[in-house]
Amino acid sequence: ELGFRARLGVASATGAVFYSDSPLSSQLEFVDPSTPLRPVRRPEQIWGAEATLDIEATDRLTVGGVFTYQDGRFRDETGRRRLT
């Protein structure tokens, strides 16, 4: 993970990017609505980014927002790469 934090006058911002390559991640797999989620362990790669922006509108009010993006891939039982 790599990130930053900055403050410019009444505005502050943060940002981060990340990448994870796990040989055995833990996931829950949906089979059908009548059964509980099934735990599975499999290789997985995940990456993404996050950014925030906050602005002090007044002495007592700060407004802000968050942007997040995440994506990933894993190998299923047959060895095929699939979306997370």
Protein backbone atom coordinates (compact mmCIF):
# COMPACT_ATOMS: atom_id res chain seq x y z
CA GLU A 1 0.00 0.00 0.00
CA LEU A 2 1.23 3.48 -0.84
CA GLY A 3 -0.52 6.69 0.15
CA PHE A 4 -0.36 10.39 0.89
CA ARG A 5 -2.04 13.03 3.07
CA ALA A 6 -2.14 16.76 2.23
CA ARG A 7 -3.64 19.93 3.66
CA LEU A 8 -4.07 23.09 1.56
CA GLY A 9 -5.84 25.92 3.35
CA VAL A 10 -9.39 24.80 4.17
CA ALA A 11 -9.09 21.58 2.15
CA SER A 12 -7.47 18.29 3.08
CA ALA A 13 -7.03 15.24 0.88
CA THR A 14 -5.77 11.68 1.16
CA GLY A 15 -5.05 9.01 -1.40
CA ALA A 16 -3.85 5.43 -1.42
CA VAL A 17 -3.28 2.59 -3.87
CA PHE A 18 -2.83 -1.06 -2.93
CA TYR A 19 -2.04 -4.49 -4.34
CA SER A 20 -2.32 -7.85 -2.58
CA ASP A 21 -1.28 -11.25 -3.91
CA SER A 22 -2.45 -13.98 -1.54
CA PRO A 23 -1.63 -17.66 -2.10
CA LEU A 24 -4.64 -18.72 0.03
CA SER A 25 -7.24 -16.02 0.62
CA SER A 26 -10.41 -16.65 2.57
CA GLN A 27 -13.69 -16.01 0.76
CA LEU A 28 -17.37 -16.83 1.11
CA GLU A 29 -19.05 -18.45 -1.90
CA PHE A 30 -22.75 -18.12 -2.72
CA VAL A 31 -24.32 -21.41 -3.87
CA ASP A 32 -28.08 -20.75 -3.66
CA PRO A 33 -30.52 -18.78 -1.44
CA SER A 34 -31.57 -21.85 0.59
CA THR A 35 -28.05 -22.63 1.87
CA PRO A 36 -25.57 -20.63 3.93
CA LEU A 37 -22.49 -19.09 2.32
CA ARG A 38 -19.67 -21.63 1.90
CA PRO A 39 -16.14 -20.72 3.06
CA VAL A 40 -13.40 -21.40 0.47
CA ARG A 41 -9.62 -20.84 0.35
CA ARG A 42 -7.94 -20.07 -2.99
CA PRO A 43 -5.20 -17.92 -4.58
CA GLU A 44 -6.33 -14.33 -5.14
CA GLN A 45 -4.97 -10.99 -6.39
CA ILE A 46 -6.67 -7.74 -5.32
CA TRP A 47 -5.81 -4.13 -6.24
CA GLY A 48 -7.47 -0.77 -5.87
CA ALA A 49 -7.35 2.89 -4.90
CA GLU A 50 -9.04 5.25 -2.46
CA ALA A 51 -9.17 9.04 -2.26
CA THR A 52 -10.83 11.49 0.12
CA LEU A 53 -11.42 15.23 -0.01
CA ASP A 54 -12.65 17.31 2.94
CA ILE A 55 -13.39 21.04 2.97
CA GLU A 56 -14.01 23.15 6.06
CA ALA A 57 -17.14 25.04 5.00
CA THR A 58 -17.37 26.90 8.33
CA ASP A 59 -15.71 26.67 11.77
CA ARG A 60 -18.30 24.05 12.75
CA LEU A 61 -19.01 22.26 9.44
CA THR A 62 -16.75 20.12 7.28
CA VAL A 63 -18.03 18.46 4.10
CA GLY A 64 -16.25 15.73 2.22
CA GLY A 65 -16.37 12.74 0.00
CA VAL A 66 -14.70 9.40 -0.63
CA PHE A 67 -13.90 7.58 -3.88
CA THR A 68 -13.03 3.88 -3.75
CA TYR A 69 -12.17 1.40 -6.52
CA GLN A 70 -11.37 -2.27 -5.95
CA ASP A 71 -10.91 -5.18 -8.36
CA GLY A 72 -9.43 -8.63 -8.22
CA ARG A 73 -8.98 -12.09 -9.69
CA PHE A 74 -8.85 -15.62 -8.31
CA ARG A 75 -8.32 -19.11 -9.71
CA ASP A 76 -11.30 -21.46 -9.45
CA GLU A 77 -11.18 -25.23 -8.92
CA THR A 78 -10.35 -25.81 -12.61
CA GLY A 79 -7.46 -23.29 -12.55
CA ARG A 80 -9.30 -20.63 -14.61
CA ARG A 81 -8.81 -16.98 -13.63
CA ARG A 82 -12.11 -15.33 -12.63
CA LEU A 83 -13.26 -11.94 -11.34
CA THR A 84 -13.52 -11.55 -7.57
